[in-house]
Amino acid sequence: MPLFQVEAIGKHSNWSLWQIEETIEELWQELNPTAEAQFEYQHIHHHQKKLEWLASRLVIKQLVEHLGESFVGIYKDAFGKPHLHKLPFHISIAHCFPLAVGAIHHTHSIGIDIERPRNKLLRIRDRFLNQQEAAAAGTDLDTLCKFWASKEVLYKIYGRKKLIFREHMAVLENFDHPGQLVGSIDYQGFLESYSIHIDQFDGHLIAYNL
């Protein structure tokens, strides 16, 4: 089972990563999804997306069991934000084949994202970067990837959609703490800042809030 070691984010949160090496049938048997989850799964038609869906939920299952709790399944609210059935913990999931990641926090909203630097970020940079971010990133794919992943983390923390990446979120390098960024959300009276940590694994960048 290719589940990598559970990593602590702080006293009350952890994240982990799954490298997909199994077949759909093997992942399905390991997850044993509920009827509700099976209904959601039936609407996924792409083979790779099915693998990612199963692996991302297995990451959360393992994190829940790491805390000594029973995993009953995941449901999504009206905004598409995932929640645990019968448990108060906050979760976040992401995937970028062949990897899936998940994070869990006891009391606060959490976000995690995994991305791979790719040329598409150059084409869409003006859609998600404000003027200051664009000047800082230039055309460097690694920096663009960090900024994109960090804004995905912020979007997941907020969890209610409608955020415009370029207008309602901002990220800056934290030069006092290499490997971290400072991200903020400013939208209709919601104003919060977060420390975002950046890890790397096998050519992928993983971002999550501290």
Protein backbone atom coordinates (compact mmCIF):
# COMPACT_ATOMS: atom_id res chain seq x y z
CA MET A 1 0.00 0.00 0.00
CA PRO A 2 1.83 3.14 -1.21
CA LEU A 3 0.66 5.51 1.52
CA PHE A 4 3.53 7.73 2.57
CA GLN A 5 4.19 8.67 6.17
CA VAL A 6 1.61 10.92 7.79
CA GLU A 7 3.18 14.34 8.37
CA ALA A 8 2.18 16.68 11.17
CA ILE A 9 1.31 20.25 10.20
CA GLY A 10 0.87 21.35 13.78
CA LYS A 11 -0.55 20.05 17.03
CA HIS A 12 -4.00 19.57 15.56
CA SER A 13 -3.52 18.78 11.88
CA ASN A 14 -1.82 16.29 9.56
CA TRP A 15 -1.41 15.66 5.87
CA SER A 16 -0.45 12.65 3.81
CA LEU A 17 0.17 11.57 0.24
CA TRP A 18 -0.82 8.54 -1.81
CA GLN A 19 1.08 7.45 -4.90
CA ILE A 20 -1.35 5.63 -7.14
CA GLU A 21 0.03 2.24 -8.15
CA GLU A 22 -3.10 0.11 -7.78
CA THR A 23 -5.89 -0.73 -10.16
CA ILE A 24 -9.36 0.74 -9.77
CA GLU A 25 -10.55 -2.59 -8.41
CA GLU A 26 -7.84 -2.66 -5.73
CA LEU A 27 -8.54 0.92 -4.64
CA TRP A 28 -12.28 0.26 -4.59
CA GLN A 29 -11.85 -2.78 -2.37
CA GLU A 30 -9.60 -0.83 -0.02
CA LEU A 31 -12.05 2.07 0.26
CA ASN A 32 -15.31 0.08 0.32
CA PRO A 33 -17.33 3.24 -0.46
CA THR A 34 -20.76 3.98 0.92
CA ALA A 35 -23.85 4.01 -1.30
CA GLU A 36 -23.70 7.83 -1.35
CA ALA A 37 -20.08 7.74 -2.50
CA GLN A 38 -20.89 5.12 -5.11
CA PHE A 39 -23.55 7.42 -6.56
CA GLU A 40 -20.98 10.22 -6.91
CA TYR A 41 -18.44 7.82 -8.38
CA GLN A 42 -20.87 6.68 -11.07
CA HIS A 43 -20.73 10.16 -12.61
CA ILE A 44 -16.97 9.92 -13.19
CA HIS A 45 -16.23 8.47 -16.61
CA HIS A 46 -12.51 9.06 -17.15
CA HIS A 47 -10.29 6.18 -15.97
CA GLN A 48 -7.60 8.43 -14.47
CA LYS A 49 -10.17 10.58 -12.67
CA LYS A 50 -11.62 7.45 -11.09
CA LEU A 51 -8.20 6.50 -9.76
CA GLU A 52 -7.67 10.01 -8.36
CA TRP A 53 -11.12 10.07 -6.75
CA LEU A 54 -10.57 6.76 -4.99
CA ALA A 55 -7.01 7.52 -3.87
CA SER A 56 -7.88 10.97 -2.49
CA ARG A 57 -10.57 9.43 -0.29
CA LEU A 58 -8.25 6.68 0.84
CA VAL A 59 -5.80 9.34 2.03
CA ILE A 60 -8.51 10.85 4.22
CA LYS A 61 -9.57 7.41 5.43
CA GLN A 62 -6.03 6.70 6.57
CA LEU A 63 -5.71 10.10 8.25
CA VAL A 64 -8.96 9.53 10.16
CA GLU A 65 -7.82 6.10 11.28
CA HIS A 66 -4.44 7.57 12.25
CA LEU A 67 -6.40 9.69 14.76
CA GLY A 68 -8.03 6.56 16.16
CA GLU A 69 -11.43 7.29 14.62
CA SER A 70 -13.64 5.33 12.24
CA PHE A 71 -14.03 6.56 8.69
CA VAL A 72 -17.70 6.56 7.68
CA GLY A 73 -17.32 8.47 4.42
CA ILE A 74 -17.18 11.93 2.86
CA TYR A 75 -19.99 14.17 1.69
CA LYS A 76 -19.93 17.51 -0.10
CA ASP A 77 -21.95 20.56 0.93
CA ALA A 78 -23.85 22.87 -1.43
CA PHE A 79 -20.58 24.58 -2.39
CA GLY A 80 -18.73 21.36 -3.15
CA LYS A 81 -16.58 21.46 -0.01
CA PRO A 82 -15.88 17.98 1.39
CA HIS A 83 -16.81 17.04 4.97
CA LEU A 84 -16.58 13.90 7.07
CA HIS A 85 -19.70 11.99 8.03
CA LYS A 86 -20.21 11.85 11.82
CA LEU A 87 -16.90 13.54 12.66
CA PRO A 88 -16.24 17.25 13.38
CA PHE A 89 -12.79 17.39 11.75
CA HIS A 90 -12.10 19.64 8.77
CA ILE A 91 -10.61 18.06 5.65
CA SER A 92 -9.21 18.98 2.26
CA ILE A 93 -8.23 16.80 -0.71
CA ALA A 94 -6.37 17.27 -3.97
CA HIS A 95 -4.82 15.16 -6.71
CA CYS A 96 -2.44 15.42 -9.63
CA PHE A 97 -1.95 12.02 -11.19
CA PRO A 98 -0.32 9.81 -10.07
CA LEU A 99 -0.45 11.48 -6.66
CA ALA A 100 -3.30 12.26 -4.26
CA VAL A 101 -3.00 14.27 -1.05
CA GLY A 102 -5.25 14.98 1.90
CA ALA A 103 -5.17 17.09 5.05
CA ILE A 104 -7.18 17.06 8.27
CA HIS A 105 -7.56 19.59 11.10
CA HIS A 106 -9.33 19.11 14.41
CA THR A 107 -10.96 22.53 14.65
CA HIS A 108 -10.25 24.86 11.71
CA SER A 109 -10.78 24.94 7.97
CA ILE A 110 -7.79 23.62 6.07
CA GLY A 111 -6.71 23.62 2.45
CA ILE A 112 -4.23 21.50 0.52
CA ASP A 113 -3.29 21.43 -3.14
CA ILE A 114 -0.83 19.56 -5.34
CA GLU A 115 0.35 20.87 -8.69
CA ARG A 116 3.08 20.30 -11.25
CA PRO A 117 4.81 23.28 -12.94
CA ARG A 118 3.48 23.39 -16.48
CA ASN A 119 3.35 25.81 -19.40
CA LYS A 120 -0.41 26.29 -19.03
CA LEU A 121 0.32 28.55 -16.05
CA LEU A 122 2.02 31.02 -18.40
CA ARG A 123 -1.12 31.24 -20.51
CA ILE A 124 -3.46 31.86 -17.58
CA ARG A 125 -1.18 33.93 -15.31
CA ASP A 126 -3.17 37.14 -15.88
CA ARG A 127 -6.33 35.38 -14.71
CA PHE A 128 -5.04 34.49 -11.25
CA LEU A 129 -2.22 36.94 -10.46
CA ASN A 130 -2.63 40.53 -9.36
CA GLN A 131 -0.13 43.14 -10.53
CA GLN A 132 2.26 42.69 -7.60
CA GLU A 133 2.23 38.90 -7.88
CA ALA A 134 2.78 39.01 -11.63
CA ALA A 135 5.82 41.22 -11.15
CA ALA A 136 7.23 38.86 -8.53
CA ALA A 137 6.61 35.70 -10.54
CA GLY A 138 7.53 36.87 -14.01
CA THR A 139 7.60 33.80 -16.24
CA ASP A 140 9.19 31.45 -13.71
CA LEU A 141 7.11 28.27 -13.74
CA ASP A 142 8.04 27.24 -10.20
CA THR A 143 6.92 30.58 -8.76
CA LEU A 144 3.76 30.60 -10.85
CA CYS A 145 3.00 27.09 -9.58
CA LYS A 146 3.55 28.15 -5.95
CA PHE A 147 1.22 31.12 -6.34
CA TRP A 148 -1.46 29.06 -8.12
CA ALA A 149 -1.35 26.25 -5.55
CA SER A 150 -1.42 28.74 -2.67
CA LYS A 151 -4.52 30.42 -4.07
CA GLU A 152 -6.15 27.01 -4.48
CA VAL A 153 -5.44 26.46 -0.77
CA LEU A 154 -7.07 29.79 0.10
CA TYR A 155 -10.06 28.97 -2.09
CA LYS A 156 -10.54 25.66 -0.27
CA ILE A 157 -10.19 27.29 3.14
CA TYR A 158 -12.93 29.79 2.30
CA GLY A 159 -15.04 26.97 0.91
CA ARG A 160 -17.94 28.99 -0.46
CA LYS A 161 -16.91 29.64 -4.08
CA LYS A 162 -17.38 33.04 -5.76
CA LEU A 163 -13.81 34.07 -4.95
CA ILE A 164 -11.97 35.55 -7.93
CA PHE A 165 -8.35 34.48 -7.74
CA ARG A 166 -6.97 37.77 -9.10
CA GLU A 167 -9.17 40.10 -7.04
CA HIS A 168 -10.05 38.45 -3.72
CA MET A 169 -6.86 36.57 -2.86
CA ALA A 170 -3.24 37.64 -2.55
CA VAL A 171 0.00 35.75 -1.88
CA LEU A 172 3.49 36.95 -1.08
CA GLU A 173 6.77 35.21 -0.47
CA ASN A 174 7.66 34.99 3.21
CA PHE A 175 11.35 35.85 3.10
CA ASP A 176 11.73 35.28 6.84
CA HIS A 177 10.65 31.65 6.40
CA PRO A 178 11.90 30.04 3.17
CA GLY A 179 9.41 27.56 1.80
CA GLN A 180 6.45 29.56 3.08
CA LEU A 181 4.13 32.18 1.67
CA VAL A 182 1.64 34.55 3.25
CA GLY A 183 -1.82 34.32 1.73
CA SER A 184 -4.85 36.49 2.37
CA ILE A 185 -8.53 36.50 1.51
CA ASP A 186 -10.47 39.78 1.27
CA TYR A 187 -14.07 39.31 0.18
CA GLN A 188 -17.30 40.93 1.39
CA GLY A 189 -16.16 41.50 4.96
CA PHE A 190 -14.16 38.28 5.21
CA LEU A 191 -10.54 39.29 5.82
CA GLU A 192 -8.08 36.64 6.95
CA SER A 193 -4.40 35.86 6.46
CA TYR A 194 -2.71 32.46 6.49
CA SER A 195 0.79 31.00 6.44
CA ILE A 196 1.12 28.57 3.55
CA HIS A 197 3.86 25.96 3.51
CA ILE A 198 5.33 24.54 0.32
CA ASP A 199 6.69 20.98 0.05
CA GLN A 200 7.98 19.18 -3.02
CA PHE A 201 7.76 15.56 -4.05
CA ASP A 202 8.78 13.91 -7.30
CA GLY A 203 8.42 17.04 -9.43
CA HIS A 204 5.19 18.12 -7.74
CA LEU A 205 4.54 21.03 -5.43
CA ILE A 206 2.33 20.55 -2.39
CA ALA A 207 0.85 23.58 -0.60
CA TYR A 208 -1.13 23.67 2.65
CA ASN A 209 -1.97 26.22 5.31
CA LEU A 210 -0.24 26.10 8.68
